[in-house]
Amino acid sequence: MSFKFTKNDNVNELPDPIKENLPHFIDHRVKEFEEVAIHFRDGDLEKVRNYCHSVRGIAASYNFHKLDEIITHFQDLAKNGDKEAIRKLIPIYTEYLKEMQSYIQPV
């Protein structure tokens, strides 16, 4: 089963003070995921689940609906111990992180 996004992000409708924090928010997601990838390689699905829980709690606040969607999927896979499906989802999530970074690139 391959993952497909069904939602879209909506960061353009954020209030300016929240938009100003986007670079920090996105940078933090990238750095956190680098650590989570190490935990996954080490077989620590509990830390993967904890990461997912934390990110889900804030994704909607920033209108990152796609982030919420993929993280929910990650969390479900980690709960079920489906390492192979997680392995296949990592490149999709990595691409999505690049997409998130494009939201803060100068035009």
N, C-alpha and C. Protein backbone atom coordinates (compact mmCIF):
# COMPACT_ATOMS: atom_id res chain seq x y z
N MET A 1 0.85 -1.18 0.00
CA MET A 1 0.00 0.00 0.00
C MET A 1 0.89 1.24 0.00
N SER A 2 0.71 2.09 -0.99
CA SER A 2 1.52 3.31 -1.02
C SER A 2 0.72 4.47 -0.45
N PHE A 3 1.45 5.41 0.10
CA PHE A 3 0.83 6.56 0.74
C PHE A 3 0.58 7.65 -0.29
N LYS A 4 -0.59 8.25 -0.22
CA LYS A 4 -0.93 9.39 -1.08
C LYS A 4 -1.59 10.45 -0.20
N PHE A 5 -1.16 11.68 -0.38
CA PHE A 5 -1.78 12.78 0.36
C PHE A 5 -3.19 13.02 -0.17
N THR A 6 -4.11 13.31 0.73
CA THR A 6 -5.48 13.65 0.33
C THR A 6 -5.83 15.08 0.73
N LYS A 7 -4.93 15.73 1.47
CA LYS A 7 -5.19 17.09 1.95
C LYS A 7 -4.13 18.04 1.39
N ASN A 8 -4.36 19.32 1.57
CA ASN A 8 -3.40 20.34 1.17
C ASN A 8 -3.06 21.21 2.36
N ASP A 9 -1.82 21.72 2.36
CA ASP A 9 -1.43 22.67 3.39
C ASP A 9 -2.07 24.02 3.08
N ASN A 10 -2.20 24.83 4.11
CA ASN A 10 -2.87 26.10 3.95
C ASN A 10 -2.13 27.20 4.71
N VAL A 11 -0.81 27.26 4.53
CA VAL A 11 -0.01 28.19 5.33
C VAL A 11 -0.21 29.65 4.93
N ASN A 12 -0.70 29.91 3.75
CA ASN A 12 -0.91 31.30 3.32
C ASN A 12 -1.97 32.02 4.13
N GLU A 13 -2.84 31.27 4.77
CA GLU A 13 -3.91 31.89 5.55
C GLU A 13 -3.55 32.08 7.02
N LEU A 14 -2.31 31.80 7.37
CA LEU A 14 -1.88 31.98 8.76
C LEU A 14 -1.73 33.46 9.09
N PRO A 15 -1.98 33.84 10.33
CA PRO A 15 -1.71 35.22 10.75
C PRO A 15 -0.21 35.51 10.63
N ASP A 16 0.14 36.76 10.37
CA ASP A 16 1.54 37.13 10.17
C ASP A 16 2.47 36.70 11.30
N PRO A 17 2.09 36.85 12.58
CA PRO A 17 3.01 36.42 13.63
C PRO A 17 3.36 34.92 13.55
N ILE A 18 2.41 34.13 13.13
CA ILE A 18 2.69 32.69 13.00
C ILE A 18 3.52 32.44 11.75
N LYS A 19 3.23 33.14 10.66
CA LYS A 19 4.04 33.01 9.44
C LYS A 19 5.50 33.33 9.72
N GLU A 20 5.73 34.32 10.57
CA GLU A 20 7.10 34.71 10.89
C GLU A 20 7.86 33.59 11.58
N ASN A 21 7.15 32.70 12.24
CA ASN A 21 7.78 31.59 12.94
C ASN A 21 7.97 30.34 12.06
N LEU A 22 7.46 30.38 10.83
CA LEU A 22 7.54 29.21 9.95
C LEU A 22 8.97 28.69 9.74
N PRO A 23 9.95 29.57 9.49
CA PRO A 23 11.30 29.04 9.28
C PRO A 23 11.79 28.21 10.46
N HIS A 24 11.55 28.70 11.66
CA HIS A 24 11.97 27.96 12.86
C HIS A 24 11.19 26.64 12.97
N PHE A 25 9.89 26.71 12.76
CA PHE A 25 9.04 25.52 12.85
C PHE A 25 9.50 24.44 11.88
N ILE A 26 9.74 24.84 10.63
CA ILE A 26 10.12 23.87 9.60
C ILE A 26 11.52 23.33 9.86
N ASP A 27 12.45 24.21 10.22
CA ASP A 27 13.81 23.78 10.52
C ASP A 27 13.81 22.75 11.66
N HIS A 28 12.99 23.00 12.64
CA HIS A 28 12.89 22.09 13.78
C HIS A 28 12.35 20.73 13.34
N ARG A 29 11.37 20.71 12.44
CA ARG A 29 10.84 19.43 11.95
C ARG A 29 11.92 18.63 11.24
N VAL A 30 12.72 19.32 10.42
CA VAL A 30 13.79 18.64 9.68
C VAL A 30 14.81 18.04 10.64
N LYS A 31 15.26 18.83 11.60
CA LYS A 31 16.26 18.35 12.56
C LYS A 31 15.72 17.21 13.41
N GLU A 32 14.48 17.34 13.85
CA GLU A 32 13.87 16.28 14.64
C GLU A 32 13.79 14.98 13.85
N PHE A 33 13.43 15.09 12.58
CA PHE A 33 13.27 13.87 11.80
C PHE A 33 14.60 13.17 11.57
N GLU A 34 15.68 13.94 11.47
CA GLU A 34 17.00 13.32 11.35
C GLU A 34 17.25 12.42 12.56
N GLU A 35 16.88 12.88 13.74
CA GLU A 35 17.03 12.09 14.97
C GLU A 35 16.08 10.88 14.95
N VAL A 36 14.86 11.09 14.49
CA VAL A 36 13.87 10.01 14.46
C VAL A 36 14.32 8.91 13.50
N ALA A 37 14.93 9.29 12.39
CA ALA A 37 15.42 8.29 11.44
C ALA A 37 16.47 7.39 12.11
N ILE A 38 17.29 7.98 12.97
CA ILE A 38 18.28 7.19 13.71
C ILE A 38 17.57 6.23 14.67
N HIS A 39 16.57 6.74 15.38
CA HIS A 39 15.81 5.87 16.29
C HIS A 39 15.15 4.72 15.53
N PHE A 40 14.63 5.02 14.35
CA PHE A 40 14.01 3.97 13.54
C PHE A 40 15.04 2.92 13.15
N ARG A 41 16.20 3.37 12.68
CA ARG A 41 17.26 2.42 12.30
C ARG A 41 17.68 1.55 13.49
N ASP A 42 17.61 2.15 14.69
CA ASP A 42 17.95 1.41 15.91
C ASP A 42 16.80 0.53 16.40
N GLY A 43 15.66 0.59 15.72
CA GLY A 43 14.51 -0.24 16.09
C GLY A 43 13.67 0.31 17.23
N ASP A 44 13.85 1.58 17.58
CA ASP A 44 13.12 2.18 18.70
C ASP A 44 11.83 2.83 18.21
N LEU A 45 10.81 2.00 18.01
CA LEU A 45 9.53 2.51 17.50
C LEU A 45 8.79 3.36 18.53
N GLU A 46 9.12 3.20 19.79
CA GLU A 46 8.51 4.03 20.83
C GLU A 46 8.89 5.49 20.62
N LYS A 47 10.15 5.75 20.31
CA LYS A 47 10.58 7.13 20.06
C LYS A 47 9.98 7.66 18.76
N VAL A 48 9.79 6.80 17.79
CA VAL A 48 9.12 7.20 16.55
C VAL A 48 7.69 7.61 16.86
N ARG A 49 7.00 6.82 17.66
CA ARG A 49 5.61 7.14 18.03
C ARG A 49 5.55 8.45 18.82
N ASN A 50 6.49 8.64 19.74
CA ASN A 50 6.51 9.88 20.53
C ASN A 50 6.71 11.10 19.64
N TYR A 51 7.60 10.99 18.67
CA TYR A 51 7.81 12.07 17.71
C TYR A 51 6.51 12.38 16.96
N CYS A 52 5.87 11.34 16.48
CA CYS A 52 4.62 11.51 15.73
C CYS A 52 3.56 12.19 16.59
N HIS A 53 3.44 11.76 17.81
CA HIS A 53 2.45 12.34 18.72
C HIS A 53 2.73 13.84 18.91
N SER A 54 3.97 14.19 19.10
CA SER A 54 4.35 15.59 19.31
C SER A 54 4.04 16.44 18.08
N VAL A 55 4.41 15.94 16.91
CA VAL A 55 4.21 16.71 15.67
C VAL A 55 2.73 16.85 15.35
N ARG A 56 1.96 15.79 15.55
CA ARG A 56 0.52 15.87 15.28
C ARG A 56 -0.13 16.96 16.11
N GLY A 57 0.38 17.14 17.32
CA GLY A 57 -0.20 18.14 18.21
C GLY A 57 -0.03 19.57 17.74
N ILE A 58 0.96 19.81 16.88
CA ILE A 58 1.20 21.19 16.44
C ILE A 58 0.99 21.42 14.95
N ALA A 59 0.90 20.36 14.16
CA ALA A 59 0.77 20.50 12.71
C ALA A 59 -0.45 21.32 12.32
N ALA A 60 -1.58 21.05 12.94
CA ALA A 60 -2.81 21.76 12.59
C ALA A 60 -2.73 23.24 12.94
N SER A 61 -1.99 23.57 13.99
CA SER A 61 -1.85 24.97 14.39
C SER A 61 -1.19 25.80 13.30
N TYR A 62 -0.37 25.16 12.49
CA TYR A 62 0.33 25.84 11.40
C TYR A 62 -0.32 25.57 10.04
N ASN A 63 -1.49 24.97 10.04
CA ASN A 63 -2.22 24.63 8.81
C ASN A 63 -1.45 23.67 7.91
N PHE A 64 -0.57 22.87 8.51
CA PHE A 64 0.14 21.84 7.76
C PHE A 64 -0.68 20.56 7.81
N HIS A 65 -1.72 20.54 7.00
CA HIS A 65 -2.65 19.41 6.99
C HIS A 65 -2.01 18.15 6.41
N LYS A 66 -1.12 18.35 5.43
CA LYS A 66 -0.41 17.20 4.87
C LYS A 66 0.55 16.60 5.90
N LEU A 67 1.17 17.47 6.70
CA LEU A 67 2.05 16.99 7.76
C LEU A 67 1.26 16.14 8.75
N ASP A 68 0.11 16.64 9.15
CA ASP A 68 -0.74 15.88 10.07
C ASP A 68 -1.11 14.53 9.46
N GLU A 69 -1.42 14.54 8.19
CA GLU A 69 -1.85 13.32 7.51
C GLU A 69 -0.72 12.27 7.46
N ILE A 70 0.46 12.68 7.05
CA ILE A 70 1.55 11.70 6.92
C ILE A 70 2.06 11.26 8.30
N ILE A 71 2.07 12.17 9.26
CA ILE A 71 2.52 11.82 10.61
C ILE A 71 1.53 10.85 11.27
N THR A 72 0.25 11.05 11.03
CA THR A 72 -0.75 10.12 11.55
C THR A 72 -0.50 8.72 10.98
N HIS A 73 -0.19 8.67 9.69
CA HIS A 73 0.10 7.39 9.05
C HIS A 73 1.36 6.76 9.66
N PHE A 74 2.40 7.57 9.84
CA PHE A 74 3.62 7.10 10.49
C PHE A 74 3.31 6.52 11.87
N GLN A 75 2.52 7.26 12.63
CA GLN A 75 2.20 6.84 13.99
C GLN A 75 1.46 5.50 13.99
N ASP A 76 0.50 5.36 13.10
CA ASP A 76 -0.23 4.09 13.01
C ASP A 76 0.70 2.93 12.65
N LEU A 77 1.60 3.17 11.71
CA LEU A 77 2.55 2.12 11.32
C LEU A 77 3.47 1.75 12.48
N ALA A 78 3.92 2.76 13.21
CA ALA A 78 4.80 2.50 14.36
C ALA A 78 4.06 1.73 15.44
N LYS A 79 2.80 2.09 15.68
CA LYS A 79 2.00 1.36 16.67
C LYS A 79 1.86 -0.11 16.29
N ASN A 80 1.73 -0.36 14.98
CA ASN A 80 1.56 -1.73 14.49
C ASN A 80 2.89 -2.45 14.28
N GLY A 81 4.00 -1.73 14.48
CA GLY A 81 5.32 -2.34 14.31
C GLY A 81 5.66 -2.67 12.87
N ASP A 82 5.06 -1.96 11.93
CA ASP A 82 5.26 -2.24 10.51
C ASP A 82 6.50 -1.50 9.99
N LYS A 83 7.65 -2.06 10.27
CA LYS A 83 8.92 -1.42 9.91
C LYS A 83 9.10 -1.28 8.41
N GLU A 84 8.66 -2.27 7.66
CA GLU A 84 8.83 -2.20 6.21
C GLU A 84 8.01 -1.06 5.61
N ALA A 85 6.78 -0.88 6.07
CA ALA A 85 5.96 0.22 5.57
C ALA A 85 6.55 1.57 6.00
N ILE A 86 7.10 1.64 7.20
CA ILE A 86 7.75 2.88 7.65
C ILE A 86 8.94 3.17 6.75
N ARG A 87 9.73 2.15 6.46
CA ARG A 87 10.90 2.32 5.60
C ARG A 87 10.49 2.90 4.24
N LYS A 88 9.36 2.46 3.72
CA LYS A 88 8.88 2.96 2.43
C LYS A 88 8.33 4.38 2.54
N LEU A 89 7.85 4.75 3.71
CA LEU A 89 7.26 6.08 3.91
C LEU A 89 8.33 7.16 4.14
N ILE A 90 9.49 6.77 4.62
CA ILE A 90 10.54 7.75 4.93
C ILE A 90 10.90 8.62 3.73
N PRO A 91 11.12 8.08 2.52
CA PRO A 91 11.45 8.96 1.39
C PRO A 91 10.31 9.92 1.03
N ILE A 92 9.08 9.48 1.21
CA ILE A 92 7.93 10.36 0.93
C ILE A 92 7.92 11.51 1.93
N TYR A 93 8.17 11.19 3.18
CA TYR A 93 8.21 12.23 4.21
C TYR A 93 9.38 13.18 3.98
N THR A 94 10.52 12.64 3.58
CA THR A 94 11.68 13.48 3.30
C THR A 94 11.37 14.46 2.17
N GLU A 95 10.70 13.99 1.13
CA GLU A 95 10.29 14.88 0.03
C GLU A 95 9.32 15.94 0.53
N TYR A 96 8.41 15.53 1.39
CA TYR A 96 7.45 16.49 1.93
C TYR A 96 8.16 17.55 2.76
N LEU A 97 9.17 17.17 3.53
CA LEU A 97 9.93 18.16 4.29
C LEU A 97 10.56 19.19 3.36
N LYS A 98 11.04 18.75 2.20
CA LYS A 98 11.58 19.68 1.20
C LYS A 98 10.48 20.61 0.70
N GLU A 99 9.30 20.06 0.49
CA GLU A 99 8.16 20.88 0.07
C GLU A 99 7.86 21.94 1.14
N MET A 100 7.88 21.53 2.40
CA MET A 100 7.64 22.48 3.49
C MET A 100 8.68 23.61 3.44
N GLN A 101 9.92 23.26 3.18
CA GLN A 101 10.98 24.27 3.13
C GLN A 101 10.74 25.26 2.00
N SER A 102 10.09 24.83 0.94
CA SER A 102 9.82 25.74 -0.17
C SER A 102 8.83 26.84 0.23
N TYR A 103 8.05 26.61 1.28
CA TYR A 103 7.11 27.64 1.74
C TYR A 103 7.83 28.86 2.30
N ILE A 104 9.08 28.68 2.71
CA ILE A 104 9.80 29.80 3.34
C ILE A 104 10.92 30.34 2.45
N GLN A 105 11.07 29.79 1.26
CA GLN A 105 12.10 30.28 0.35
C GLN A 105 11.68 31.62 -0.23
N PRO A 106 12.64 32.52 -0.41
CA PRO A 106 12.30 33.81 -1.03
C PRO A 106 11.80 33.61 -2.45
N VAL A 107 10.86 34.43 -2.84
CA VAL A 107 10.25 34.30 -4.17
C VAL A 107 11.03 35.09 -5.19
